[in-house]
Amino acid sequence: MKTHRLCAVSDIPDDDSRGFTVSKGEDDLQLVGVKKDGVIAVFVNSCPHLGIPMNMDPDGFLDVEKNFIMCSTHGALFQMDTGECVHGPCLGKNLTPVPYEIREEEVFIAKDL
């Protein structure tokens, strides 16, 4: 599998989130990386309810308590580890996970997403 460097592990703050844009030829892929208790998860930045980006600010993906990923459009809440919607109009649906691997404190994703 060919990989693409997304960021350094330290680029995603602890108990916080960060948005990323990955160039895919004519289209760009919007991603969100989150880190909770030192564990990273990466998802496609697209709400399963409306198919739109979830953040209002470039790196603003979490609720006020920083316990859930939150869609800024309608307030849906998603688990940070699984991407499962636990509140809102897309209850029970999931964010699309992005497989990644960590090598030498760097986060890599598949190039052919």
PDB file of N, CA and C in Angstrom:
ATOM      1  N   MET A   1       0.836  -1.182   0.000  1.00  0.00           N
ATOM      2  CA  MET A   1       0.000   0.000   0.000  1.00  0.00           C
ATOM      3  C   MET A   1       0.880   1.244   0.000  1.00  0.00           C
ATOM      4  N   LYS A   2       0.633   2.117  -0.953  1.00  0.00           N
ATOM      5  CA  LYS A   2       1.349   3.390  -0.978  1.00  0.00           C
ATOM      6  C   LYS A   2       0.715   4.323   0.034  1.00  0.00           C
ATOM      7  N   THR A   3       1.558   5.061   0.738  1.00  0.00           N
ATOM      8  CA  THR A   3       1.048   5.929   1.793  1.00  0.00           C
ATOM      9  C   THR A   3       1.408   7.380   1.548  1.00  0.00           C
ATOM     10  N   HIS A   4       0.709   8.241   2.254  1.00  0.00           N
ATOM     11  CA  HIS A   4       0.902   9.683   2.189  1.00  0.00           C
ATOM     12  C   HIS A   4       1.053  10.175   3.625  1.00  0.00           C
ATOM     13  N   ARG A   5       2.056  10.978   3.882  1.00  0.00           N
ATOM     14  CA  ARG A   5       2.243  11.537   5.228  1.00  0.00           C
ATOM     15  C   ARG A   5       1.146  12.565   5.472  1.00  0.00           C
ATOM     16  N   LEU A   6       0.403  12.359   6.546  1.00  0.00           N
ATOM     17  CA  LEU A   6      -0.645  13.310   6.907  1.00  0.00           C
ATOM     18  C   LEU A   6      -0.088  14.392   7.818  1.00  0.00           C
ATOM     19  N   CYS A   7       0.614  13.976   8.873  1.00  0.00           N
ATOM     20  CA  CYS A   7       1.138  14.940   9.838  1.00  0.00           C
ATOM     21  C   CYS A   7       2.028  14.220  10.837  1.00  0.00           C
ATOM     22  N   ALA A   8       2.633  14.997  11.715  1.00  0.00           N
ATOM     23  CA  ALA A   8       3.325  14.423  12.866  1.00  0.00           C
ATOM     24  C   ALA A   8       2.277  14.114  13.926  1.00  0.00           C
ATOM     25  N   VAL A   9       2.514  13.107  14.734  1.00  0.00           N
ATOM     26  CA  VAL A   9       1.590  12.773  15.820  1.00  0.00           C
ATOM     27  C   VAL A   9       1.335  14.005  16.682  1.00  0.00           C
ATOM     28  N   SER A  10       2.363  14.789  16.939  1.00  0.00           N
ATOM     29  CA  SER A  10       2.237  15.978  17.795  1.00  0.00           C
ATOM     30  C   SER A  10       1.445  17.107  17.142  1.00  0.00           C
ATOM     31  N   ASP A  11       1.167  17.021  15.838  1.00  0.00           N
ATOM     32  CA  ASP A  11       0.368  18.056  15.159  1.00  0.00           C
ATOM     33  C   ASP A  11      -1.103  18.000  15.539  1.00  0.00           C
ATOM     34  N   ILE A  12      -1.554  16.870  16.060  1.00  0.00           N
ATOM     35  CA  ILE A  12      -2.925  16.762  16.559  1.00  0.00           C
ATOM     36  C   ILE A  12      -2.825  16.895  18.077  1.00  0.00           C
ATOM     37  N   PRO A  13      -3.309  18.003  18.629  1.00  0.00           N
ATOM     38  CA  PRO A  13      -3.174  18.213  20.073  1.00  0.00           C
ATOM     39  C   PRO A  13      -3.922  17.153  20.876  1.00  0.00           C
ATOM     40  N   ASP A  14      -3.430  16.859  22.071  1.00  0.00           N
ATOM     41  CA  ASP A  14      -4.106  15.920  22.957  1.00  0.00           C
ATOM     42  C   ASP A  14      -5.504  16.417  23.274  1.00  0.00           C
ATOM     43  N   ASP A  15      -6.475  15.498  23.238  1.00  0.00           N
ATOM     44  CA  ASP A  15      -7.878  15.800  23.520  1.00  0.00           C
ATOM     45  C   ASP A  15      -8.397  16.961  22.669  1.00  0.00           C
ATOM     46  N   ASP A  16      -8.027  16.927  21.390  1.00  0.00           N
ATOM     47  CA  ASP A  16      -8.440  17.993  20.470  1.00  0.00           C
ATOM     48  C   ASP A  16      -8.522  17.437  19.052  1.00  0.00           C
ATOM     49  N   SER A  17      -8.635  18.336  18.082  1.00  0.00           N
ATOM     50  CA  SER A  17      -8.819  17.932  16.692  1.00  0.00           C
ATOM     51  C   SER A  17      -8.034  18.850  15.762  1.00  0.00           C
ATOM     52  N   ARG A  18      -7.906  18.387  14.526  1.00  0.00           N
ATOM     53  CA  ARG A  18      -7.252  19.195  13.495  1.00  0.00           C
ATOM     54  C   ARG A  18      -7.799  18.769  12.140  1.00  0.00           C
ATOM     55  N   GLY A  19      -8.036  19.749  11.278  1.00  0.00           N
ATOM     56  CA  GLY A  19      -8.499  19.478   9.927  1.00  0.00           C
ATOM     57  C   GLY A  19      -7.329  19.373   8.968  1.00  0.00           C
ATOM     58  N   PHE A  20      -7.506  18.559   7.924  1.00  0.00           N
ATOM     59  CA  PHE A  20      -6.470  18.352   6.918  1.00  0.00           C
ATOM     60  C   PHE A  20      -7.112  18.333   5.535  1.00  0.00           C
ATOM     61  N   THR A  21      -6.371  18.804   4.558  1.00  0.00           N
ATOM     62  CA  THR A  21      -6.781  18.707   3.160  1.00  0.00           C
ATOM     63  C   THR A  21      -5.730  17.895   2.431  1.00  0.00           C
ATOM     64  N   VAL A  22      -6.172  16.821   1.785  1.00  0.00           N
ATOM     65  CA  VAL A  22      -5.278  15.962   1.026  1.00  0.00           C
ATOM     66  C   VAL A  22      -5.635  16.139  -0.443  1.00  0.00           C
ATOM     67  N   SER A  23      -4.651  16.530  -1.242  1.00  0.00           N
ATOM     68  CA  SER A  23      -4.881  16.743  -2.672  1.00  0.00           C
ATOM     69  C   SER A  23      -5.043  15.410  -3.379  1.00  0.00           C
ATOM     70  N   LYS A  24      -6.104  15.319  -4.190  1.00  0.00           N
ATOM     71  CA  LYS A  24      -6.378  14.103  -4.960  1.00  0.00           C
ATOM     72  C   LYS A  24      -6.648  14.499  -6.413  1.00  0.00           C
ATOM     73  N   GLY A  25      -5.629  15.008  -7.086  1.00  0.00           N
ATOM     74  CA  GLY A  25      -5.802  15.435  -8.472  1.00  0.00           C
ATOM     75  C   GLY A  25      -6.687  16.663  -8.532  1.00  0.00           C
ATOM     76  N   GLU A  26      -7.835  16.547  -9.215  1.00  0.00           N
ATOM     77  CA  GLU A  26      -8.742  17.687  -9.340  1.00  0.00           C
ATOM     78  C   GLU A  26      -9.535  17.941  -8.067  1.00  0.00           C
ATOM     79  N   ASP A  27      -9.686  16.923  -7.248  1.00  0.00           N
ATOM     80  CA  ASP A  27     -10.469  17.049  -6.018  1.00  0.00           C
ATOM     81  C   ASP A  27      -9.557  17.023  -4.802  1.00  0.00           C
ATOM     82  N   ASP A  28     -10.028  17.652  -3.743  1.00  0.00           N
ATOM     83  CA  ASP A  28      -9.348  17.585  -2.457  1.00  0.00           C
ATOM     84  C   ASP A  28     -10.196  16.763  -1.509  1.00  0.00           C
ATOM     85  N   LEU A  29      -9.533  16.011  -0.660  1.00  0.00           N
ATOM     86  CA  LEU A  29     -10.218  15.215   0.355  1.00  0.00           C
ATOM     87  C   LEU A  29     -10.035  15.926   1.687  1.00  0.00           C
ATOM     88  N   GLN A  30     -11.142  16.224   2.349  1.00  0.00           N
ATOM     89  CA  GLN A  30     -11.112  16.885   3.648  1.00  0.00           C
ATOM     90  C   GLN A  30     -11.163  15.819   4.735  1.00  0.00           C
ATOM     91  N   LEU A  31     -10.233  15.908   5.678  1.00  0.00           N
ATOM     92  CA  LEU A  31     -10.147  14.930   6.771  1.00  0.00           C
ATOM     93  C   LEU A  31     -10.153  15.638   8.115  1.00  0.00           C
ATOM     94  N   VAL A  32     -10.516  14.895   9.144  1.00  0.00           N
ATOM     95  CA  VAL A  32     -10.406  15.375  10.512  1.00  0.00           C
ATOM     96  C   VAL A  32      -9.621  14.333  11.302  1.00  0.00           C
ATOM     97  N   GLY A  33      -8.619  14.810  12.013  1.00  0.00           N
ATOM     98  CA  GLY A  33      -7.861  13.958  12.914  1.00  0.00           C
ATOM     99  C   GLY A  33      -8.189  14.362  14.343  1.00  0.00           C
ATOM    100  N   VAL A  34      -8.427  13.381  15.197  1.00  0.00           N
ATOM    101  CA  VAL A  34      -8.715  13.651  16.606  1.00  0.00           C
ATOM    102  C   VAL A  34      -7.776  12.810  17.465  1.00  0.00           C
ATOM    103  N   LYS A  35      -7.521  13.316  18.664  1.00  0.00           N
ATOM    104  CA  LYS A  35      -6.702  12.556  19.608  1.00  0.00           C
ATOM    105  C   LYS A  35      -7.361  12.638  20.979  1.00  0.00           C
ATOM    106  N   LYS A  36      -7.709  11.491  21.524  1.00  0.00           N
ATOM    107  CA  LYS A  36      -8.336  11.405  22.847  1.00  0.00           C
ATOM    108  C   LYS A  36      -7.523  10.424  23.684  1.00  0.00           C
ATOM    109  N   ASP A  37      -7.048  10.892  24.820  1.00  0.00           N
ATOM    110  CA  ASP A  37      -6.231  10.060  25.712  1.00  0.00           C
ATOM    111  C   ASP A  37      -5.047   9.438  24.967  1.00  0.00           C
ATOM    112  N   GLY A  38      -4.455  10.206  24.062  1.00  0.00           N
ATOM    113  CA  GLY A  38      -3.279   9.763  23.320  1.00  0.00           C
ATOM    114  C   GLY A  38      -3.563   8.879  22.126  1.00  0.00           C
ATOM    115  N   VAL A  39      -4.840   8.541  21.877  1.00  0.00           N
ATOM    116  CA  VAL A  39      -5.203   7.671  20.762  1.00  0.00           C
ATOM    117  C   VAL A  39      -5.747   8.518  19.612  1.00  0.00           C
ATOM    118  N   ILE A  40      -5.191   8.308  18.435  1.00  0.00           N
ATOM    119  CA  ILE A  40      -5.580   9.075  17.248  1.00  0.00           C
ATOM    120  C   ILE A  40      -6.635   8.316  16.451  1.00  0.00           C
ATOM    121  N   ALA A  41      -7.548   9.071  15.858  1.00  0.00           N
ATOM    122  CA  ALA A  41      -8.494   8.539  14.875  1.00  0.00           C
ATOM    123  C   ALA A  41      -8.580   9.553  13.742  1.00  0.00           C
ATOM    124  N   VAL A  42      -8.770   9.067  12.527  1.00  0.00           N
ATOM    125  CA  VAL A  42      -8.878   9.935  11.349  1.00  0.00           C
ATOM    126  C   VAL A  42     -10.155   9.561  10.610  1.00  0.00           C
ATOM    127  N   PHE A  43     -10.927  10.594  10.221  1.00  0.00           N
ATOM    128  CA  PHE A  43     -12.182  10.388   9.516  1.00  0.00           C
ATOM    129  C   PHE A  43     -12.278  11.351   8.339  1.00  0.00           C
ATOM    130  N   VAL A  44     -13.105  10.993   7.361  1.00  0.00           N
ATOM    131  CA  VAL A  44     -13.442  11.926   6.287  1.00  0.00           C
ATOM    132  C   VAL A  44     -14.310  13.012   6.914  1.00  0.00           C
ATOM    133  N   ASN A  45     -14.020  14.261   6.595  1.00  0.00           N
ATOM    134  CA  ASN A  45     -14.759  15.400   7.140  1.00  0.00           C
ATOM    135  C   ASN A  45     -16.048  15.584   6.336  1.00  0.00           C
ATOM    136  N   SER A  46     -17.011  14.707   6.585  1.00  0.00           N
ATOM    137  CA  SER A  46     -18.293  14.770   5.893  1.00  0.00           C
ATOM    138  C   SER A  46     -19.370  14.182   6.798  1.00  0.00           C
ATOM    139  N   CYS A  47     -20.345  14.993   7.153  1.00  0.00           N
ATOM    140  CA  CYS A  47     -21.424  14.531   8.014  1.00  0.00           C
ATOM    141  C   CYS A  47     -22.282  13.513   7.258  1.00  0.00           C
ATOM    142  N   PRO A  48     -22.570  12.354   7.856  1.00  0.00           N
ATOM    143  CA  PRO A  48     -23.382  11.355   7.159  1.00  0.00           C
ATOM    144  C   PRO A  48     -24.830  11.805   6.943  1.00  0.00           C
ATOM    145  N   HIS A  49     -25.263  12.860   7.609  1.00  0.00           N
ATOM    146  CA  HIS A  49     -26.628  13.357   7.460  1.00  0.00           C
ATOM    147  C   HIS A  49     -26.771  14.207   6.199  1.00  0.00           C
ATOM    148  N   LEU A  50     -25.860  15.162   5.994  1.00  0.00           N
ATOM    149  CA  LEU A  50     -25.975  16.090   4.863  1.00  0.00           C
ATOM    150  C   LEU A  50     -24.833  16.002   3.862  1.00  0.00           C
ATOM    151  N   GLY A  51     -23.782  15.267   4.207  1.00  0.00           N
ATOM    152  CA  GLY A  51     -22.644  15.156   3.300  1.00  0.00           C
ATOM    153  C   GLY A  51     -21.832  16.433   3.176  1.00  0.00           C
ATOM    154  N   ILE A  52     -21.849  17.272   4.205  1.00  0.00           N
ATOM    155  CA  ILE A  52     -21.114  18.536   4.183  1.00  0.00           C
ATOM    156  C   ILE A  52     -20.026  18.509   5.248  1.00  0.00           C
ATOM    157  N   PRO A  53     -18.997  19.392   5.115  1.00  0.00           N
ATOM    158  CA  PRO A  53     -17.964  19.464   6.146  1.00  0.00           C
ATOM    159  C   PRO A  53     -18.582  19.793   7.509  1.00  0.00           C
ATOM    160  N   MET A  54     -17.993  19.237   8.552  1.00  0.00           N
ATOM    161  CA  MET A  54     -18.571  19.367   9.881  1.00  0.00           C
ATOM    162  C   MET A  54     -18.050  20.550  10.687  1.00  0.00           C
ATOM    163  N   ASN A  55     -16.953  21.125  10.293  1.00  0.00           N
ATOM    164  CA  ASN A  55     -16.348  22.175  11.108  1.00  0.00           C
ATOM    165  C   ASN A  55     -16.776  23.566  10.654  1.00  0.00           C
ATOM    166  N   MET A  56     -16.851  24.471  11.644  1.00  0.00           N
ATOM    167  CA  MET A  56     -17.101  25.867  11.344  1.00  0.00           C
ATOM    168  C   MET A  56     -15.772  26.604  11.207  1.00  0.00           C
ATOM    169  N   ASP A  57     -14.828  26.263  12.062  1.00  0.00           N
ATOM    170  CA  ASP A  57     -13.474  26.820  12.029  1.00  0.00           C
ATOM    171  C   ASP A  57     -12.538  25.751  11.478  1.00  0.00           C
ATOM    172  N   PRO A  58     -11.358  26.140  10.956  1.00  0.00           N
ATOM    173  CA  PRO A  58     -10.472  25.150  10.331  1.00  0.00           C
ATOM    174  C   PRO A  58     -10.170  23.922  11.185  1.00  0.00           C
ATOM    175  N   ASP A  59      -9.964  24.090  12.471  1.00  0.00           N
ATOM    176  CA  ASP A  59      -9.647  22.956  13.330  1.00  0.00           C
ATOM    177  C   ASP A  59     -10.704  22.751  14.418  1.00  0.00           C
ATOM    178  N   GLY A  60     -11.867  23.343  14.255  1.00  0.00           N
ATOM    179  CA  GLY A  60     -12.925  23.270  15.262  1.00  0.00           C
ATOM    180  C   GLY A  60     -13.917  22.160  14.994  1.00  0.00           C
ATOM    181  N   PHE A  61     -13.640  20.976  15.511  1.00  0.00           N
ATOM    182  CA  PHE A  61     -14.489  19.808  15.278  1.00  0.00           C
ATOM    183  C   PHE A  61     -15.131  19.251  16.540  1.00  0.00           C
ATOM    184  N   LEU A  62     -14.718  19.711  17.701  1.00  0.00           N
ATOM    185  CA  LEU A  62     -15.175  19.072  18.933  1.00  0.00           C
ATOM    186  C   LEU A  62     -16.209  19.914  19.667  1.00  0.00           C
ATOM    187  N   ASP A  63     -17.013  19.233  20.495  1.00  0.00           N
ATOM    188  CA  ASP A  63     -17.958  19.932  21.357  1.00  0.00           C
ATOM    189  C   ASP A  63     -17.178  20.703  22.420  1.00  0.00           C
ATOM    190  N   VAL A  64     -17.872  21.524  23.190  1.00  0.00           N
ATOM    191  CA  VAL A  64     -17.226  22.394  24.175  1.00  0.00           C
ATOM    192  C   VAL A  64     -16.414  21.598  25.199  1.00  0.00           C
ATOM    193  N   GLU A  65     -16.934  20.442  25.617  1.00  0.00           N
ATOM    194  CA  GLU A  65     -16.233  19.625  26.608  1.00  0.00           C
ATOM    195  C   GLU A  65     -15.112  18.783  25.995  1.00  0.00           C
ATOM    196  N   LYS A  66     -15.010  18.796  24.677  1.00  0.00           N
ATOM    197  CA  LYS A  66     -14.004  18.035  23.931  1.00  0.00           C
ATOM    198  C   LYS A  66     -14.125  16.533  24.174  1.00  0.00           C
ATOM    199  N   ASN A  67     -15.375  16.067  24.226  1.00  0.00           N
ATOM    200  CA  ASN A  67     -15.640  14.643  24.374  1.00  0.00           C
ATOM    201  C   ASN A  67     -16.138  13.993  23.092  1.00  0.00           C
ATOM    202  N   PHE A  68     -16.670  14.797  22.164  1.00  0.00           N
ATOM    203  CA  PHE A  68     -17.259  14.278  20.936  1.00  0.00           C
ATOM    204  C   PHE A  68     -16.863  15.140  19.750  1.00  0.00           C
ATOM    205  N   ILE A  69     -16.833  14.530  18.567  1.00  0.00           N
ATOM    206  CA  ILE A  69     -16.752  15.284  17.320  1.00  0.00           C
ATOM    207  C   ILE A  69     -18.157  15.822  17.085  1.00  0.00           C
ATOM    208  N   MET A  70     -18.273  17.095  16.720  1.00  0.00           N
ATOM    209  CA  MET A  70     -19.588  17.701  16.571  1.00  0.00           C
ATOM    210  C   MET A  70     -19.750  18.320  15.183  1.00  0.00           C
ATOM    211  N   CYS A  71     -20.875  18.063  14.552  1.00  0.00           N
ATOM    212  CA  CYS A  71     -21.198  18.723  13.288  1.00  0.00           C
ATOM    213  C   CYS A  71     -21.702  20.123  13.614  1.00  0.00           C
ATOM    214  N   SER A  72     -21.045  21.134  13.090  1.00  0.00           N
ATOM    215  CA  SER A  72     -21.418  22.511  13.406  1.00  0.00           C
ATOM    216  C   SER A  72     -22.744  22.911  12.766  1.00  0.00           C
ATOM    217  N   THR A  73     -23.211  22.184  11.768  1.00  0.00           N
ATOM    218  CA  THR A  73     -24.452  22.548  11.090  1.00  0.00           C
ATOM    219  C   THR A  73     -25.679  22.213  11.922  1.00  0.00           C
ATOM    220  N   HIS A  74     -25.728  21.006  12.486  1.00  0.00           N
ATOM    221  CA  HIS A  74     -26.928  20.620  13.219  1.00  0.00           C
ATOM    222  C   HIS A  74     -26.645  19.984  14.576  1.00  0.00           C
ATOM    223  N   GLY A  75     -25.412  20.026  15.039  1.00  0.00           N
ATOM    224  CA  GLY A  75     -25.080  19.599  16.395  1.00  0.00           C
ATOM    225  C   GLY A  75     -24.990  18.107  16.636  1.00  0.00           C
ATOM    226  N   ALA A  76     -24.971  17.301  15.585  1.00  0.00           N
ATOM    227  CA  ALA A  76     -24.809  15.857  15.783  1.00  0.00           C
ATOM    228  C   ALA A  76     -23.488  15.593  16.497  1.00  0.00           C
ATOM    229  N   LEU A  77     -23.487  14.598  17.387  1.00  0.00           N
ATOM    230  CA  LEU A  77     -22.288  14.239  18.145  1.00  0.00           C
ATOM    231  C   LEU A  77     -21.832  12.843  17.759  1.00  0.00           C
ATOM    232  N   PHE A  78     -20.523  12.690  17.579  1.00  0.00           N
ATOM    233  CA  PHE A  78     -19.927  11.431  17.139  1.00  0.00           C
ATOM    234  C   PHE A  78     -18.847  11.012  18.125  1.00  0.00           C
ATOM    235  N   GLN A  79     -18.773   9.701  18.415  1.00  0.00           N
ATOM    236  CA  GLN A  79     -17.710   9.163  19.251  1.00  0.00           C
ATOM    237  C   GLN A  79     -16.361   9.470  18.593  1.00  0.00           C
ATOM    238  N   MET A  80     -15.380   9.868  19.397  1.00  0.00           N
ATOM    239  CA  MET A  80     -14.068  10.206  18.853  1.00  0.00           C
ATOM    240  C   MET A  80     -13.282   8.982  18.392  1.00  0.00           C
ATOM    241  N   ASP A  81     -13.556   7.818  18.973  1.00  0.00           N
ATOM    242  CA  ASP A  81     -12.779   6.639  18.595  1.00  0.00           C
ATOM    243  C   ASP A  81     -13.399   5.867  17.429  1.00  0.00           C
ATOM    244  N   THR A  82     -14.728   5.820  17.368  1.00  0.00           N
ATOM    245  CA  THR A  82     -15.385   5.011  16.331  1.00  0.00           C
ATOM    246  C   THR A  82     -16.070   5.830  15.246  1.00  0.00           C
ATOM    247  N   GLY A  83     -16.366   7.102  15.533  1.00  0.00           N
ATOM    248  CA  GLY A  83     -17.087   7.941  14.586  1.00  0.00           C
ATOM    249  C   GLY A  83     -18.584   7.687  14.579  1.00  0.00           C
ATOM    250  N   GLU A  84     -19.093   6.886  15.526  1.00  0.00           N
ATOM    251  CA  GLU A  84     -20.526   6.599  15.570  1.00  0.00           C
ATOM    252  C   GLU A  84     -21.298   7.805  16.090  1.00  0.00           C
ATOM    253  N   CYS A  85     -22.402   8.141  15.403  1.00  0.00           N
ATOM    254  CA  CYS A  85     -23.262   9.231  15.839  1.00  0.00           C
ATOM    255  C   CYS A  85     -24.072   8.767  17.045  1.00  0.00           C
ATOM    256  N   VAL A  86     -23.980   9.530  18.143  1.00  0.00           N
ATOM    257  CA  VAL A  86     -24.693   9.182  19.361  1.00  0.00           C
ATOM    258  C   VAL A  86     -25.776  10.200  19.707  1.00  0.00           C
ATOM    259  N   HIS A  87     -25.867  11.267  18.915  1.00  0.00           N
ATOM    260  CA  HIS A  87     -26.893  12.291  19.136  1.00  0.00           C
ATOM    261  C   HIS A  87     -27.091  13.071  17.843  1.00  0.00           C
ATOM    262  N   GLY A  88     -28.332  13.276  17.465  1.00  0.00           N
ATOM    263  CA  GLY A  88     -28.629  14.093  16.294  1.00  0.00           C
ATOM    264  C   GLY A  88     -29.344  13.316  15.207  1.00  0.00           C
ATOM    265  N   PRO A  89     -29.555  13.954  14.059  1.00  0.00           N
ATOM    266  CA  PRO A  89     -30.375  13.371  12.992  1.00  0.00           C
ATOM    267  C   PRO A  89     -29.756  12.164  12.285  1.00  0.00           C
ATOM    268  N   CYS A  90     -28.489  11.904  12.508  1.00  0.00           N
ATOM    269  CA  CYS A  90     -27.863  10.742  11.862  1.00  0.00           C
ATOM    270  C   CYS A  90     -27.525   9.671  12.898  1.00  0.00           C
ATOM    271  N   LEU A  91     -28.305   9.609  13.958  1.00  0.00           N
ATOM    272  CA  LEU A  91     -28.104   8.663  15.054  1.00  0.00           C
ATOM    273  C   LEU A  91     -27.892   7.244  14.523  1.00  0.00           C
ATOM    274  N   GLY A  92     -26.803   6.613  14.992  1.00  0.00           N
ATOM    275  CA  GLY A  92     -26.501   5.247  14.569  1.00  0.00           C
ATOM    276  C   GLY A  92     -25.651   5.148  13.313  1.00  0.00           C
ATOM    277  N   LYS A  93     -25.527   6.233  12.560  1.00  0.00           N
ATOM    278  CA  LYS A  93     -24.652   6.221  11.381  1.00  0.00           C
ATOM    279  C   LYS A  93     -23.236   6.556  11.841  1.00  0.00           C
ATOM    280  N   ASN A  94     -22.276   6.364  10.943  1.00  0.00           N
ATOM    281  CA  ASN A  94     -20.874   6.585  11.303  1.00  0.00           C
ATOM    282  C   ASN A  94     -20.186   7.530  10.336  1.00  0.00           C
ATOM    283  N   LEU A  95     -19.205   8.247  10.874  1.00  0.00           N
ATOM    284  CA  LEU A  95     -18.264   8.961  10.016  1.00  0.00           C
ATOM    285  C   LEU A  95     -17.445   7.908   9.284  1.00  0.00           C
ATOM    286  N   THR A  96     -16.930   8.262   8.113  1.00  0.00           N
ATOM    287  CA  THR A  96     -16.116   7.333   7.345  1.00  0.00           C
ATOM    288  C   THR A  96     -14.695   7.318   7.911  1.00  0.00           C
ATOM    289  N   PRO A  97     -14.264   6.182   8.466  1.00  0.00           N
ATOM    290  CA  PRO A  97     -12.908   6.120   9.019  1.00  0.00           C
ATOM    291  C   PRO A  97     -11.865   6.083   7.905  1.00  0.00           C
ATOM    292  N   VAL A  98     -10.703   6.633   8.211  1.00  0.00           N
ATOM    293  CA  VAL A  98      -9.576   6.617   7.282  1.00  0.00           C
ATOM    294  C   VAL A  98      -8.483   5.778   7.925  1.00  0.00           C
ATOM    295  N   PRO A  99      -8.137   4.642   7.305  1.00  0.00           N
ATOM    296  CA  PRO A  99      -7.057   3.825   7.870  1.00  0.00           C
ATOM    297  C   PRO A  99      -5.746   4.609   7.890  1.00  0.00           C
ATOM    298  N   TYR A 100      -5.005   4.422   8.945  1.00  0.00           N
ATOM    299  CA  TYR A 100      -3.723   5.113   9.076  1.00  0.00           C
ATOM    300  C   TYR A 100      -2.747   4.213   9.806  1.00  0.00           C
ATOM    301  N   GLU A 101      -1.502   4.592   9.721  1.00  0.00           N
ATOM    302  CA  GLU A 101      -0.474   3.931  10.524  1.00  0.00           C
ATOM    303  C   GLU A 101       0.481   4.986  11.024  1.00  0.00           C
ATOM    304  N   ILE A 102       1.088   4.691  12.163  1.00  0.00           N
ATOM    305  CA  ILE A 102       2.065   5.607  12.747  1.00  0.00           C
ATOM    306  C   ILE A 102       3.438   4.977  12.595  1.00  0.00           C
ATOM    307  N   ARG A 103       4.332   5.741  11.981  1.00  0.00           N
ATOM    308  CA  ARG A 103       5.719   5.313  11.812  1.00  0.00           C
ATOM    309  C   ARG A 103       6.615   6.448  12.282  1.00  0.00           C
ATOM    310  N   GLU A 104       7.426   6.164  13.274  1.00  0.00           N
ATOM    311  CA  GLU A 104       8.395   7.132  13.794  1.00  0.00           C
ATOM    312  C   GLU A 104       7.745   8.478  14.104  1.00  0.00           C
ATOM    313  N   GLU A 105       6.625   8.418  14.852  1.00  0.00           N
ATOM    314  CA  GLU A 105       5.898   9.616  15.296  1.00  0.00           C
ATOM    315  C   GLU A 105       5.290  10.431  14.147  1.00  0.00           C
ATOM    316  N   GLU A 106       5.065   9.779  13.009  1.00  0.00           N
ATOM    317  CA  GLU A 106       4.410  10.401  11.854  1.00  0.00           C
ATOM    318  C   GLU A 106       3.155   9.597  11.518  1.00  0.00           C
ATOM    319  N   VAL A 107       2.082  10.295  11.130  1.00  0.00           N
ATOM    320  CA  VAL A 107       0.826   9.650  10.760  1.00  0.00           C
ATOM    321  C   VAL A 107       0.762   9.552   9.238  1.00  0.00           C
ATOM    322  N   PHE A 108       0.568   8.335   8.725  1.00  0.00           N
ATOM    323  CA  PHE A 108       0.476   8.100   7.293  1.00  0.00           C
ATOM    324  C   PHE A 108      -0.894   7.506   6.970  1.00  0.00           C
ATOM    325  N   ILE A 109      -1.475   7.946   5.854  1.00  0.00           N
ATOM    326  CA  ILE A 109      -2.721   7.391   5.371  1.00  0.00           C
ATOM    327  C   ILE A 109      -2.479   6.781   4.005  1.00  0.00           C
ATOM    328  N   ALA A 110      -3.401   5.920   3.569  1.00  0.00           N
ATOM    329  CA  ALA A 110      -3.283   5.315   2.236  1.00  0.00           C
ATOM    330  C   ALA A 110      -3.382   6.398   1.171  1.00  0.00           C
ATOM    331  N   LYS A 111      -2.562   6.310   0.142  1.00  0.00           N
ATOM    332  CA  LYS A 111      -2.568   7.302  -0.921  1.00  0.00           C
ATOM    333  C   LYS A 111      -3.791   7.189  -1.815  1.00  0.00           C
ATOM    334  N   ASP A 112      -4.377   6.004  -1.892  1.00  0.00           N
ATOM    335  CA  ASP A 112      -5.472   5.774  -2.825  1.00  0.00           C
ATOM    336  C   ASP A 112      -6.845   5.820  -2.161  1.00  0.00           C
ATOM    337  N   LEU A 113      -7.051   6.755  -1.263  1.00  0.00           N
ATOM    338  CA  LEU A 113      -8.360   6.910  -0.613  1.00  0.00           C
ATOM    339  C   LEU A 113      -9.386   7.408  -1.596  1.00  0.00           C
TER     340      LEU A 113
END
